[in-house]
Structures are given as structure tokens and as C-alpha cells.
Amino acid sequence: MDEDRFNMSVRKFLKQVGVTSQRVIEEAVRSGQVQGEVLKVTMTLKGKNAPIEHVIEAEIELR
């Protein structure tokens, strides 16, 4: 395995996840679709060809 190529590929994936997720969250907040002062979110990472399932839950304060 080429470590540099692997690391760059992982970073590219994480950047895409981060940027697109932020856009989706901001869109929901700005359009008034969130009820209350906290947005409860869950992010699930699954591997299609590897036994990966990682869940992150968080609360995003809106005020």
C-alpha cells in the first residue's frame, strides 16, 4: 500500500463529507426546518466492502 496515496484519498473523502454536510446543515437551519435551539445530528460511516460501521452523534447549538 502506498501510504501517501492512501492518506490523500482519505483526506479527499473527508473534505467532501465535511463540506457537503456543512452545506446541508446550513440549508436546513436557514430555511427554518429545525425546531428548537439545538439540531441533533447523527453521522454514520459504513463500508460497502469492509466491516466498518462508525456512528457519531452530536448536538449543534443554533443560538
Protein backbone atom coordinates (compact mmCIF):
# COMPACT_ATOMS: atom_id res chain seq x y z
CA MET A 1 0.00 0.00 0.00
CA ASP A 2 1.21 3.47 -0.89
CA GLU A 3 0.80 5.46 2.37
CA ASP A 4 0.89 8.87 0.71
CA ARG A 5 -1.71 7.94 -1.88
CA PHE A 6 -3.90 6.35 0.80
CA ASN A 7 -3.69 9.40 3.08
CA MET A 8 -4.53 11.77 0.23
CA SER A 9 -7.51 9.64 -0.75
CA VAL A 10 -8.83 9.57 2.83
CA ARG A 11 -8.37 13.33 3.19
CA LYS A 12 -10.19 13.96 -0.09
CA PHE A 13 -13.12 11.84 1.09
CA LEU A 14 -13.26 13.55 4.50
CA LYS A 15 -13.12 17.00 2.91
CA GLN A 16 -16.04 16.09 0.64
CA VAL A 17 -18.04 14.76 3.60
CA GLY A 18 -17.30 17.84 5.69
CA VAL A 19 -18.09 20.42 3.03
CA THR A 20 -21.28 18.80 1.79
CA SER A 21 -22.52 18.04 5.31
CA GLN A 22 -22.00 21.64 6.37
CA ARG A 23 -23.98 22.87 3.36
CA VAL A 24 -26.88 20.53 4.13
CA ILE A 25 -26.95 21.58 7.79
CA GLU A 26 -26.79 25.30 6.96
CA GLU A 27 -29.57 24.92 4.40
CA ALA A 28 -31.87 23.23 6.92
CA VAL A 29 -31.18 25.87 9.58
CA ARG A 30 -31.55 28.88 7.27
CA SER A 31 -34.79 27.60 5.77
CA GLY A 32 -36.34 27.24 9.23
CA GLN A 33 -36.70 23.46 9.07
CA VAL A 34 -35.11 22.94 12.50
CA GLN A 35 -37.40 23.04 15.52
CA GLY A 36 -35.91 24.32 18.76
CA GLU A 37 -32.50 25.78 19.58
CA VAL A 38 -30.47 22.60 19.08
CA LEU A 39 -30.05 20.48 15.96
CA LYS A 40 -29.48 16.84 16.86
CA VAL A 41 -27.46 15.05 14.19
CA THR A 42 -26.12 11.59 13.52
CA MET A 43 -23.38 10.70 11.05
CA THR A 44 -22.90 7.06 10.10
CA LEU A 45 -19.88 5.80 8.20
CA LYS A 46 -20.35 2.39 6.58
CA GLY A 47 -18.02 0.38 4.39
CA LYS A 48 -19.54 -1.47 1.46
CA ASN A 49 -16.70 -3.95 1.16
CA ALA A 50 -15.28 -3.83 4.69
CA PRO A 51 -16.80 -4.44 8.14
CA ILE A 52 -16.93 -0.73 9.02
CA GLU A 53 -19.79 0.95 10.86
CA HIS A 54 -18.98 4.03 12.89
CA VAL A 55 -21.68 6.32 14.33
CA ILE A 56 -21.17 9.84 15.65
CA GLU A 57 -23.98 11.72 17.38
CA ALA A 58 -23.84 15.40 18.26
CA GLU A 59 -25.90 18.45 19.06
CA ILE A 60 -25.37 21.71 17.19
CA GLU A 61 -26.44 24.82 19.06
CA LEU A 62 -28.32 27.30 16.91
CA ARG A 63 -28.37 30.36 19.13
